[in-house]
Amino acid sequence: MEEIKKEPVTAILILANVVVFLLVELTGGTESAEHMAACGAAYTPWILTYGEWYRIFTSMFLHFGIRHLVNNMLILFVLGQRLEPVVGKIRFLLIYLLGGVGGNLLSLYADTVTNDYAISAGASGAVFAVMGALIFLLIRYRGRVADLSARQILILAAFSLYFGFASSGVNNIAHVGGLVFGFLLAAIVGQPS
């Protein structure tokens, strides 16, 4: 209970992702691309052709299967516990949401350049934004935030990016975009409270 009091936004975001996952799973399945698209997953042609810009946001709360959800929520739990107490609730929420949106917008742009379209969903762009913010703070404060060292977070970021690029069906542009936007957002709004 003490953790929820210290990091309420992290807990609320995890709860929201789990609730959305359960609702989508019960209404048609989280591994059905068609159902995920109907529930708000990102799909560039629909965003650009039909103006369904809400998908840039809603896709951050959808996950393809339980493993996808658990992986993202586990990393959010670990990193959110470190970042939220340092920057505060509102700044943490801004970094998470705006970083995730930024990663999705970069992915949308990349889709228009490559004309390679796929239905996309997941909180990982936002989770990478949290990681990017931590990297900024570790650089700014010379190597340590909470109980994380610069070496630990850089190794985590490198492994996370590597596994994304080594796997198929992963929106790596959203990951890189989230990391970059999180770093920049921390520079703008992420100064410790």
N, C-alpha and C. Protein backbone atom coordinates (compact mmCIF):
# COMPACT_ATOMS: atom_id res chain seq x y z
N MET A 1 0.82 -1.21 0.00
CA MET A 1 0.00 0.00 0.00
C MET A 1 0.86 1.26 0.00
N GLU A 2 2.00 1.21 0.68
CA GLU A 2 2.89 2.36 0.75
C GLU A 2 3.37 2.77 -0.65
N GLU A 3 3.65 1.79 -1.53
CA GLU A 3 4.11 2.09 -2.88
C GLU A 3 3.05 2.87 -3.66
N ILE A 4 1.78 2.50 -3.50
CA ILE A 4 0.71 3.19 -4.21
C ILE A 4 0.61 4.63 -3.76
N LYS A 5 0.85 4.90 -2.46
CA LYS A 5 0.81 6.27 -1.96
C LYS A 5 1.95 7.09 -2.53
N LYS A 6 3.12 6.47 -2.72
CA LYS A 6 4.28 7.20 -3.23
C LYS A 6 4.24 7.37 -4.75
N GLU A 7 3.67 6.40 -5.44
CA GLU A 7 3.61 6.45 -6.91
C GLU A 7 2.20 6.19 -7.40
N PRO A 8 1.24 7.07 -7.06
CA PRO A 8 -0.15 6.80 -7.45
C PRO A 8 -0.38 6.82 -8.96
N VAL A 9 0.33 7.68 -9.69
CA VAL A 9 0.11 7.77 -11.14
C VAL A 9 0.59 6.49 -11.81
N THR A 10 1.73 5.98 -11.39
CA THR A 10 2.22 4.71 -11.93
C THR A 10 1.19 3.61 -11.69
N ALA A 11 0.66 3.54 -10.48
CA ALA A 11 -0.34 2.51 -10.15
C ALA A 11 -1.61 2.69 -10.97
N ILE A 12 -2.07 3.92 -11.15
CA ILE A 12 -3.29 4.19 -11.93
C ILE A 12 -3.07 3.82 -13.40
N LEU A 13 -1.91 4.14 -13.95
CA LEU A 13 -1.62 3.80 -15.35
C LEU A 13 -1.58 2.29 -15.55
N ILE A 14 -0.97 1.58 -14.62
CA ILE A 14 -0.94 0.12 -14.72
C ILE A 14 -2.35 -0.43 -14.63
N LEU A 15 -3.13 0.07 -13.68
CA LEU A 15 -4.51 -0.38 -13.53
C LEU A 15 -5.33 -0.10 -14.79
N ALA A 16 -5.17 1.08 -15.37
CA ALA A 16 -5.91 1.44 -16.59
C ALA A 16 -5.55 0.49 -17.73
N ASN A 17 -4.27 0.19 -17.89
CA ASN A 17 -3.85 -0.74 -18.95
C ASN A 17 -4.41 -2.13 -18.73
N VAL A 18 -4.44 -2.59 -17.48
CA VAL A 18 -4.96 -3.92 -17.18
C VAL A 18 -6.47 -3.97 -17.42
N VAL A 19 -7.19 -2.95 -16.99
CA VAL A 19 -8.65 -2.91 -17.19
C VAL A 19 -8.99 -2.89 -18.67
N VAL A 20 -8.30 -2.05 -19.44
CA VAL A 20 -8.54 -2.00 -20.89
C VAL A 20 -8.23 -3.36 -21.52
N PHE A 21 -7.13 -3.97 -21.10
CA PHE A 21 -6.77 -5.29 -21.63
C PHE A 21 -7.89 -6.30 -21.38
N LEU A 22 -8.41 -6.33 -20.17
CA LEU A 22 -9.47 -7.28 -19.83
C LEU A 22 -10.73 -7.03 -20.64
N LEU A 23 -11.10 -5.75 -20.80
CA LEU A 23 -12.29 -5.41 -21.58
C LEU A 23 -12.13 -5.85 -23.04
N VAL A 24 -10.97 -5.58 -23.61
CA VAL A 24 -10.73 -5.96 -25.01
C VAL A 24 -10.69 -7.48 -25.15
N GLU A 25 -10.06 -8.13 -24.19
CA GLU A 25 -9.96 -9.59 -24.23
C GLU A 25 -11.35 -10.23 -24.15
N LEU A 26 -12.21 -9.68 -23.30
CA LEU A 26 -13.55 -10.24 -23.11
C LEU A 26 -14.50 -9.93 -24.26
N THR A 27 -14.21 -8.90 -25.03
CA THR A 27 -15.14 -8.50 -26.10
C THR A 27 -14.71 -8.96 -27.49
N GLY A 28 -13.62 -9.69 -27.59
CA GLY A 28 -13.22 -10.16 -28.92
C GLY A 28 -11.79 -10.63 -29.03
N GLY A 29 -11.00 -10.40 -28.02
CA GLY A 29 -9.63 -10.91 -28.01
C GLY A 29 -8.58 -9.87 -28.33
N THR A 30 -7.51 -9.90 -27.54
CA THR A 30 -6.43 -8.93 -27.72
C THR A 30 -5.43 -9.35 -28.78
N GLU A 31 -5.56 -10.56 -29.30
CA GLU A 31 -4.62 -10.99 -30.33
C GLU A 31 -5.25 -10.94 -31.73
N SER A 32 -6.46 -10.42 -31.80
CA SER A 32 -7.12 -10.21 -33.09
C SER A 32 -6.83 -8.79 -33.56
N ALA A 33 -6.06 -8.67 -34.63
CA ALA A 33 -5.72 -7.34 -35.16
C ALA A 33 -6.97 -6.56 -35.53
N GLU A 34 -7.95 -7.25 -36.09
CA GLU A 34 -9.20 -6.60 -36.48
C GLU A 34 -9.93 -6.02 -35.26
N HIS A 35 -10.02 -6.81 -34.19
CA HIS A 35 -10.69 -6.34 -32.98
C HIS A 35 -9.90 -5.21 -32.31
N MET A 36 -8.57 -5.35 -32.30
CA MET A 36 -7.73 -4.30 -31.71
C MET A 36 -7.91 -2.99 -32.47
N ALA A 37 -8.00 -3.07 -33.80
CA ALA A 37 -8.23 -1.87 -34.60
C ALA A 37 -9.59 -1.26 -34.27
N ALA A 38 -10.59 -2.11 -34.09
CA ALA A 38 -11.93 -1.62 -33.74
C ALA A 38 -11.93 -0.96 -32.36
N CYS A 39 -11.01 -1.37 -31.50
CA CYS A 39 -10.94 -0.83 -30.13
C CYS A 39 -10.04 0.41 -30.03
N GLY A 40 -9.38 0.80 -31.12
CA GLY A 40 -8.61 2.04 -31.09
C GLY A 40 -7.12 1.90 -31.32
N ALA A 41 -6.66 0.75 -31.79
CA ALA A 41 -5.24 0.61 -32.12
C ALA A 41 -4.88 1.57 -33.26
N ALA A 42 -3.60 1.91 -33.35
CA ALA A 42 -3.15 2.84 -34.39
C ALA A 42 -3.06 2.14 -35.74
N TYR A 43 -3.53 2.81 -36.76
CA TYR A 43 -3.40 2.32 -38.12
C TYR A 43 -3.33 3.56 -39.01
N THR A 44 -2.16 3.80 -39.55
CA THR A 44 -1.87 5.05 -40.26
C THR A 44 -2.90 5.41 -41.34
N PRO A 45 -3.30 4.49 -42.22
CA PRO A 45 -4.29 4.89 -43.25
C PRO A 45 -5.59 5.43 -42.65
N TRP A 46 -6.06 4.84 -41.57
CA TRP A 46 -7.30 5.33 -40.96
C TRP A 46 -7.10 6.67 -40.25
N ILE A 47 -5.92 6.85 -39.67
CA ILE A 47 -5.64 8.12 -39.00
C ILE A 47 -5.61 9.25 -40.03
N LEU A 48 -4.89 9.03 -41.13
CA LEU A 48 -4.73 10.09 -42.13
C LEU A 48 -5.95 10.24 -43.03
N THR A 49 -6.55 9.14 -43.45
CA THR A 49 -7.68 9.21 -44.37
C THR A 49 -8.97 9.65 -43.69
N TYR A 50 -9.23 9.08 -42.52
CA TYR A 50 -10.50 9.35 -41.84
C TYR A 50 -10.37 10.32 -40.66
N GLY A 51 -9.16 10.81 -40.42
CA GLY A 51 -8.96 11.77 -39.33
C GLY A 51 -9.12 11.17 -37.94
N GLU A 52 -8.83 9.89 -37.80
CA GLU A 52 -8.99 9.21 -36.50
C GLU A 52 -7.74 9.40 -35.63
N TRP A 53 -7.45 10.67 -35.32
CA TRP A 53 -6.23 11.02 -34.57
C TRP A 53 -6.26 10.51 -33.14
N TYR A 54 -7.43 10.21 -32.62
CA TYR A 54 -7.52 9.68 -31.25
C TYR A 54 -6.72 8.39 -31.11
N ARG A 55 -6.51 7.68 -32.21
CA ARG A 55 -5.77 6.41 -32.17
C ARG A 55 -4.33 6.58 -31.70
N ILE A 56 -3.77 7.75 -31.91
CA ILE A 56 -2.41 8.05 -31.43
C ILE A 56 -2.37 7.91 -29.91
N PHE A 57 -3.48 8.24 -29.26
CA PHE A 57 -3.59 8.15 -27.79
C PHE A 57 -4.12 6.80 -27.34
N THR A 58 -5.24 6.36 -27.90
CA THR A 58 -5.88 5.13 -27.41
C THR A 58 -5.01 3.90 -27.59
N SER A 59 -4.19 3.90 -28.62
CA SER A 59 -3.34 2.73 -28.87
C SER A 59 -2.35 2.49 -27.73
N MET A 60 -2.06 3.53 -26.94
CA MET A 60 -1.12 3.38 -25.82
C MET A 60 -1.68 2.53 -24.69
N PHE A 61 -2.97 2.26 -24.71
CA PHE A 61 -3.59 1.48 -23.63
C PHE A 61 -4.04 0.09 -24.10
N LEU A 62 -3.65 -0.27 -25.30
CA LEU A 62 -4.03 -1.57 -25.87
C LEU A 62 -2.78 -2.44 -26.00
N HIS A 63 -2.94 -3.74 -25.79
CA HIS A 63 -1.80 -4.67 -25.89
C HIS A 63 -2.20 -5.95 -26.61
N PHE A 64 -1.30 -6.42 -27.46
CA PHE A 64 -1.52 -7.67 -28.19
C PHE A 64 -1.11 -8.86 -27.32
N GLY A 65 -2.03 -9.38 -26.53
CA GLY A 65 -1.77 -10.55 -25.71
C GLY A 65 -1.22 -10.23 -24.34
N ILE A 66 -1.32 -11.21 -23.46
CA ILE A 66 -0.93 -11.03 -22.06
C ILE A 66 0.56 -10.78 -21.90
N ARG A 67 1.38 -11.43 -22.71
CA ARG A 67 2.83 -11.25 -22.58
C ARG A 67 3.23 -9.80 -22.88
N HIS A 68 2.63 -9.22 -23.92
CA HIS A 68 2.87 -7.83 -24.29
C HIS A 68 2.51 -6.91 -23.11
N LEU A 69 1.35 -7.14 -22.53
CA LEU A 69 0.90 -6.34 -21.39
C LEU A 69 1.84 -6.48 -20.21
N VAL A 70 2.15 -7.71 -19.83
CA VAL A 70 2.98 -7.95 -18.65
C VAL A 70 4.37 -7.33 -18.82
N ASN A 71 4.97 -7.50 -19.99
CA ASN A 71 6.30 -6.91 -20.23
C ASN A 71 6.28 -5.40 -20.04
N ASN A 72 5.31 -4.73 -20.66
CA ASN A 72 5.24 -3.26 -20.55
C ASN A 72 4.93 -2.81 -19.13
N MET A 73 4.01 -3.48 -18.46
CA MET A 73 3.62 -3.05 -17.11
C MET A 73 4.72 -3.34 -16.09
N LEU A 74 5.46 -4.39 -16.27
CA LEU A 74 6.58 -4.68 -15.37
C LEU A 74 7.65 -3.60 -15.47
N ILE A 75 7.99 -3.21 -16.70
CA ILE A 75 8.99 -2.15 -16.86
C ILE A 75 8.44 -0.81 -16.36
N LEU A 76 7.16 -0.53 -16.62
CA LEU A 76 6.56 0.70 -16.10
C LEU A 76 6.58 0.72 -14.58
N PHE A 77 6.28 -0.41 -13.96
CA PHE A 77 6.30 -0.50 -12.50
C PHE A 77 7.69 -0.16 -11.95
N VAL A 78 8.71 -0.77 -12.53
CA VAL A 78 10.09 -0.57 -12.05
C VAL A 78 10.55 0.87 -12.29
N LEU A 79 10.35 1.37 -13.50
CA LEU A 79 10.83 2.72 -13.82
C LEU A 79 9.95 3.81 -13.22
N GLY A 80 8.64 3.59 -13.20
CA GLY A 80 7.73 4.57 -12.63
C GLY A 80 8.01 4.81 -11.15
N GLN A 81 8.37 3.75 -10.44
CA GLN A 81 8.70 3.88 -9.01
C GLN A 81 9.91 4.79 -8.80
N ARG A 82 10.78 4.85 -9.80
CA ARG A 82 11.97 5.69 -9.68
C ARG A 82 11.72 7.12 -10.15
N LEU A 83 10.97 7.27 -11.24
CA LEU A 83 10.81 8.61 -11.82
C LEU A 83 9.72 9.44 -11.13
N GLU A 84 8.58 8.84 -10.87
CA GLU A 84 7.45 9.62 -10.32
C GLU A 84 7.78 10.36 -9.03
N PRO A 85 8.44 9.73 -8.03
CA PRO A 85 8.75 10.47 -6.81
C PRO A 85 9.74 11.61 -7.03
N VAL A 86 10.57 11.50 -8.07
CA VAL A 86 11.59 12.52 -8.33
C VAL A 86 10.99 13.74 -9.02
N VAL A 87 10.14 13.52 -10.04
CA VAL A 87 9.61 14.66 -10.80
C VAL A 87 8.22 15.10 -10.35
N GLY A 88 7.53 14.27 -9.60
CA GLY A 88 6.18 14.59 -9.16
C GLY A 88 5.13 13.96 -10.06
N LYS A 89 3.91 13.90 -9.55
CA LYS A 89 2.80 13.20 -10.23
C LYS A 89 2.44 13.80 -11.59
N ILE A 90 2.24 15.11 -11.64
CA ILE A 90 1.80 15.77 -12.87
C ILE A 90 2.88 15.69 -13.94
N ARG A 91 4.11 15.98 -13.57
CA ARG A 91 5.20 15.94 -14.55
C ARG A 91 5.41 14.51 -15.06
N PHE A 92 5.30 13.55 -14.16
CA PHE A 92 5.44 12.15 -14.56
C PHE A 92 4.35 11.79 -15.58
N LEU A 93 3.11 12.17 -15.30
CA LEU A 93 2.01 11.88 -16.21
C LEU A 93 2.23 12.55 -17.58
N LEU A 94 2.71 13.80 -17.56
CA LEU A 94 3.00 14.51 -18.82
C LEU A 94 4.08 13.79 -19.62
N ILE A 95 5.14 13.37 -18.95
CA ILE A 95 6.23 12.66 -19.63
C ILE A 95 5.70 11.37 -20.24
N TYR A 96 4.93 10.63 -19.47
CA TYR A 96 4.39 9.34 -19.93
C TYR A 96 3.47 9.53 -21.14
N LEU A 97 2.47 10.38 -20.99
CA LEU A 97 1.47 10.55 -22.05
C LEU A 97 2.02 11.26 -23.29
N LEU A 98 2.70 12.40 -23.08
CA LEU A 98 3.23 13.14 -24.22
C LEU A 98 4.36 12.38 -24.91
N GLY A 99 5.17 11.66 -24.11
CA GLY A 99 6.23 10.85 -24.70
C GLY A 99 5.67 9.72 -25.54
N GLY A 100 4.60 9.08 -25.05
CA GLY A 100 3.95 8.02 -25.81
C GLY A 100 3.31 8.55 -27.09
N VAL A 101 2.65 9.69 -26.99
CA VAL A 101 2.05 10.32 -28.18
C VAL A 101 3.15 10.70 -29.17
N GLY A 102 4.25 11.26 -28.65
CA GLY A 102 5.37 11.63 -29.52
C GLY A 102 5.93 10.43 -30.26
N GLY A 103 6.11 9.32 -29.55
CA GLY A 103 6.60 8.10 -30.19
C GLY A 103 5.64 7.61 -31.26
N ASN A 104 4.35 7.68 -30.98
CA ASN A 104 3.35 7.26 -31.97
C ASN A 104 3.30 8.19 -33.19
N LEU A 105 3.51 9.48 -32.97
CA LEU A 105 3.54 10.42 -34.10
C LEU A 105 4.76 10.17 -34.98
N LEU A 106 5.90 9.87 -34.36
CA LEU A 106 7.09 9.55 -35.13
C LEU A 106 6.87 8.27 -35.94
N SER A 107 6.21 7.30 -35.33
CA SER A 107 5.88 6.06 -36.02
C SER A 107 4.94 6.32 -37.20
N LEU A 108 3.97 7.18 -36.99
CA LEU A 108 3.04 7.57 -38.07
C LEU A 108 3.81 8.20 -39.22
N TYR A 109 4.71 9.09 -38.91
CA TYR A 109 5.52 9.73 -39.95
C TYR A 109 6.35 8.68 -40.71
N ALA A 110 6.97 7.77 -39.97
CA ALA A 110 7.78 6.72 -40.61
C ALA A 110 6.93 5.86 -41.54
N ASP A 111 5.70 5.58 -41.12
CA ASP A 111 4.79 4.80 -41.97
C ASP A 111 4.53 5.52 -43.29
N THR A 112 4.37 6.84 -43.24
CA THR A 112 4.08 7.59 -44.47
C THR A 112 5.29 7.61 -45.39
N VAL A 113 6.49 7.54 -44.83
CA VAL A 113 7.71 7.53 -45.64
C VAL A 113 7.91 6.16 -46.29
N THR A 114 7.68 5.10 -45.52
CA THR A 114 7.94 3.74 -46.02
C THR A 114 6.74 3.11 -46.72
N ASN A 115 5.55 3.66 -46.49
CA ASN A 115 4.30 3.05 -46.97
C ASN A 115 4.14 1.61 -46.50
N ASP A 116 4.67 1.35 -45.32
CA ASP A 116 4.59 0.02 -44.70
C ASP A 116 3.67 0.15 -43.48
N TYR A 117 2.43 -0.29 -43.63
CA TYR A 117 1.42 -0.06 -42.60
C TYR A 117 1.12 -1.33 -41.81
N ALA A 118 0.99 -1.17 -40.51
CA ALA A 118 0.59 -2.28 -39.64
C ALA A 118 -0.25 -1.71 -38.51
N ILE A 119 -1.14 -2.52 -38.00
CA ILE A 119 -1.92 -2.12 -36.83
C ILE A 119 -0.99 -2.17 -35.63
N SER A 120 -0.96 -1.10 -34.88
CA SER A 120 0.02 -0.94 -33.81
C SER A 120 -0.66 -0.58 -32.50
N ALA A 121 -0.15 -1.15 -31.41
CA ALA A 121 -0.69 -0.85 -30.08
C ALA A 121 0.37 -1.16 -29.04
N GLY A 122 0.21 -0.57 -27.87
CA GLY A 122 1.09 -0.87 -26.76
C GLY A 122 1.55 0.38 -26.04
N ALA A 123 1.89 0.19 -24.78
CA ALA A 123 2.36 1.29 -23.94
C ALA A 123 3.86 1.49 -24.03
N SER A 124 4.53 0.72 -24.87
CA SER A 124 5.99 0.75 -24.84
C SER A 124 6.58 2.09 -25.25
N GLY A 125 5.96 2.83 -26.16
CA GLY A 125 6.46 4.17 -26.48
C GLY A 125 6.45 5.07 -25.25
N ALA A 126 5.37 5.00 -24.47
CA ALA A 126 5.27 5.78 -23.23
C ALA A 126 6.26 5.28 -22.19
N VAL A 127 6.44 3.96 -22.12
CA VAL A 127 7.39 3.38 -21.16
C VAL A 127 8.81 3.80 -21.54
N PHE A 128 9.11 3.81 -22.83
CA PHE A 128 10.42 4.29 -23.27
C PHE A 128 10.59 5.77 -22.97
N ALA A 129 9.49 6.54 -22.96
CA ALA A 129 9.57 7.95 -22.59
C ALA A 129 10.01 8.09 -21.13
N VAL A 130 9.49 7.23 -20.27
CA VAL A 130 9.91 7.24 -18.86
C VAL A 130 11.40 6.92 -18.78
N MET A 131 11.83 5.94 -19.57
CA MET A 131 13.25 5.57 -19.62
C MET A 131 14.10 6.74 -20.11
N GLY A 132 13.64 7.42 -21.15
CA GLY A 132 14.37 8.57 -21.68
C GLY A 132 14.47 9.70 -20.66
N ALA A 133 13.39 9.92 -19.91
CA ALA A 133 13.41 10.95 -18.87
C ALA A 133 14.42 10.59 -17.78
N LEU A 134 14.46 9.33 -17.40
CA LEU A 134 15.44 8.90 -16.40
C LEU A 134 16.87 9.09 -16.91
N ILE A 135 17.10 8.80 -18.19
CA ILE A 135 18.44 9.01 -18.76
C ILE A 135 18.82 10.48 -18.68
N PHE A 136 17.87 11.37 -19.03
CA PHE A 136 18.17 12.81 -18.93
C PHE A 136 18.53 13.19 -17.49
N LEU A 137 17.73 12.74 -16.54
CA LEU A 137 17.98 13.11 -15.14
C LEU A 137 19.29 12.53 -14.63
N LEU A 138 19.62 11.32 -15.07
CA LEU A 138 20.89 10.73 -14.66
C LEU A 138 22.07 11.52 -15.21
N ILE A 139 21.95 12.01 -16.42
CA ILE A 139 23.01 12.86 -17.00
C ILE A 139 23.05 14.19 -16.26
N ARG A 140 21.89 14.78 -16.07
CA ARG A 140 21.80 16.10 -15.42
C ARG A 140 22.32 16.08 -13.99
N TYR A 141 22.02 14.99 -13.27
CA TYR A 141 22.44 14.92 -11.86
C TYR A 141 23.62 13.99 -11.66
N ARG A 142 24.39 13.82 -12.70
CA ARG A 142 25.68 13.15 -12.66
C ARG A 142 25.67 11.73 -12.10
N GLY A 143 24.76 10.94 -12.66
CA GLY A 143 24.91 9.52 -12.45
C GLY A 143 24.00 8.76 -11.53
N ARG A 144 23.10 9.40 -10.78
CA ARG A 144 22.25 8.61 -9.90
C ARG A 144 20.91 9.31 -9.68
N VAL A 145 19.82 8.53 -9.87
CA VAL A 145 18.47 8.99 -9.54
C VAL A 145 17.83 7.85 -8.78
N ALA A 146 17.30 8.17 -7.60
CA ALA A 146 16.75 7.14 -6.71
C ALA A 146 17.84 6.08 -6.53
N ASP A 147 17.52 4.82 -6.76
CA ASP A 147 18.54 3.77 -6.60
C ASP A 147 19.09 3.29 -7.94
N LEU A 148 18.88 4.08 -9.00
CA LEU A 148 19.37 3.73 -10.33
C LEU A 148 20.63 4.49 -10.66
N SER A 149 21.58 3.79 -11.25
CA SER A 149 22.77 4.46 -11.74
C SER A 149 22.62 4.66 -13.25
N ALA A 150 23.43 5.55 -13.79
CA ALA A 150 23.41 5.80 -15.23
C ALA A 150 23.73 4.50 -15.98
N ARG A 151 24.65 3.74 -15.48
CA ARG A 151 25.03 2.49 -16.15
C ARG A 151 23.84 1.52 -16.22
N GLN A 152 23.11 1.38 -15.11
CA GLN A 152 21.97 0.46 -15.08
C GLN A 152 20.90 0.85 -16.10
N ILE A 153 20.53 2.12 -16.15
CA ILE A 153 19.45 2.54 -17.04
C ILE A 153 19.90 2.50 -18.50
N LEU A 154 21.17 2.81 -18.77
CA LEU A 154 21.66 2.73 -20.14
C LEU A 154 21.71 1.28 -20.62
N ILE A 155 22.08 0.36 -19.74
CA ILE A 155 22.07 -1.07 -20.09
C ILE A 155 20.64 -1.53 -20.35
N LEU A 156 19.70 -1.11 -19.49
CA LEU A 156 18.29 -1.47 -19.69
C LEU A 156 17.78 -0.92 -21.02
N ALA A 157 18.09 0.33 -21.32
CA ALA A 157 17.65 0.94 -22.59
C ALA A 157 18.25 0.20 -23.78
N ALA A 158 19.54 -0.11 -23.70
CA ALA A 158 20.21 -0.81 -24.81
C ALA A 158 19.60 -2.19 -25.03
N PHE A 159 19.40 -2.95 -23.96
CA PHE A 159 18.80 -4.29 -24.10
C PHE A 159 17.37 -4.20 -24.62
N SER A 160 16.61 -3.24 -24.12
CA SER A 160 15.21 -3.10 -24.55
C SER A 160 15.14 -2.77 -26.04
N LEU A 161 16.00 -1.86 -26.49
CA LEU A 161 16.02 -1.52 -27.91
C LEU A 161 16.51 -2.70 -28.74
N TYR A 162 17.54 -3.39 -28.25
CA TYR A 162 18.07 -4.55 -28.98
C TYR A 162 17.00 -5.62 -29.17
N PHE A 163 16.31 -5.96 -28.07
CA PHE A 163 15.28 -7.01 -28.16
C PHE A 163 14.15 -6.59 -29.09
N GLY A 164 13.83 -5.30 -29.10
CA GLY A 164 12.81 -4.81 -30.03
C GLY A 164 13.24 -4.98 -31.48
N PHE A 165 14.47 -4.58 -31.78
CA PHE A 165 14.95 -4.68 -33.16
C PHE A 165 15.20 -6.13 -33.57
N ALA A 166 15.47 -7.00 -32.60
CA ALA A 166 15.73 -8.41 -32.91
C ALA A 166 14.43 -9.22 -33.03
N SER A 167 13.30 -8.61 -32.67
CA SER A 167 12.01 -9.30 -32.72
C SER A 167 11.19 -8.81 -33.91
N SER A 168 10.27 -9.65 -34.35
CA SER A 168 9.39 -9.22 -35.44
C SER A 168 8.09 -8.67 -34.85
N GLY A 169 7.42 -7.82 -35.60
CA GLY A 169 6.14 -7.28 -35.17
C GLY A 169 6.23 -6.25 -34.07
N VAL A 170 7.39 -5.61 -33.91
CA VAL A 170 7.59 -4.61 -32.86
C VAL A 170 7.70 -3.24 -33.51
N ASN A 171 7.04 -2.25 -32.92
CA ASN A 171 7.09 -0.89 -33.45
C ASN A 171 8.30 -0.17 -32.86
N ASN A 172 9.47 -0.44 -33.44
CA ASN A 172 10.71 0.11 -32.93
C ASN A 172 10.79 1.63 -33.07
N ILE A 173 10.13 2.17 -34.08
CA ILE A 173 10.14 3.63 -34.26
C ILE A 173 9.44 4.29 -33.06
N ALA A 174 8.34 3.71 -32.59
CA ALA A 174 7.65 4.25 -31.41
C ALA A 174 8.53 4.15 -30.18
N HIS A 175 9.33 3.07 -30.07
CA HIS A 175 10.24 2.92 -28.93
C HIS A 175 11.30 4.02 -28.95
N VAL A 176 11.96 4.17 -30.10
CA VAL A 176 13.01 5.19 -30.21
C VAL A 176 12.40 6.58 -30.02
N GLY A 177 11.23 6.81 -30.64
CA GLY A 177 10.56 8.10 -30.48
C GLY A 177 10.20 8.39 -29.04
N GLY A 178 9.67 7.38 -28.35
CA GLY A 178 9.34 7.56 -26.93
C GLY A 178 10.57 7.91 -26.11
N LEU A 179 11.68 7.21 -26.37
CA LEU A 179 12.93 7.47 -25.66
C LEU A 179 13.40 8.90 -25.87
N VAL A 180 13.38 9.34 -27.13
CA VAL A 180 13.83 10.70 -27.46
C VAL A 180 12.88 11.74 -26.86
N PHE A 181 11.57 11.55 -27.05
CA PHE A 181 10.60 12.51 -26.50
C PHE A 181 10.65 12.55 -24.97
N GLY A 182 10.83 11.41 -24.33
CA GLY A 182 10.95 11.38 -22.87
C GLY A 182 12.16 12.16 -22.40
N PHE A 183 13.28 12.00 -23.09
CA PHE A 183 14.50 12.74 -22.77
C PHE A 183 14.25 14.25 -22.88
N LEU A 184 13.65 14.66 -24.02
CA LEU A 184 13.37 16.08 -24.25
C LEU A 184 12.34 16.64 -23.26
N LEU A 185 11.31 15.86 -22.99
CA LEU A 185 10.29 16.31 -22.03
C LEU A 185 10.87 16.48 -20.63
N ALA A 186 11.77 15.59 -20.25
CA ALA A 186 12.42 15.73 -18.94
C ALA A 186 13.21 17.03 -18.88
N ALA A 187 13.83 17.39 -19.99
CA ALA A 187 14.58 18.65 -20.04
C ALA A 187 13.66 19.85 -19.90
N ILE A 188 12.42 19.72 -20.42
CA ILE A 188 11.48 20.84 -20.39
C ILE A 188 10.66 20.88 -19.11
N VAL A 189 10.06 19.75 -18.73
CA VAL A 189 9.13 19.76 -17.59
C VAL A 189 9.56 18.85 -16.43
N GLY A 190 10.63 18.11 -16.60
CA GLY A 190 10.94 17.06 -15.64
C GLY A 190 11.89 17.41 -14.53
N GLN A 191 12.06 18.67 -14.24
CA GLN A 191 12.96 19.01 -13.14
C GLN A 191 12.36 18.54 -11.82
N PRO A 192 13.17 17.92 -10.97
CA PRO A 192 12.63 17.36 -9.72
C PRO A 192 11.85 18.38 -8.89
N SER A 193 10.77 17.87 -8.25
CA SER A 193 9.93 18.76 -7.45
C SER A 193 10.50 18.94 -6.07
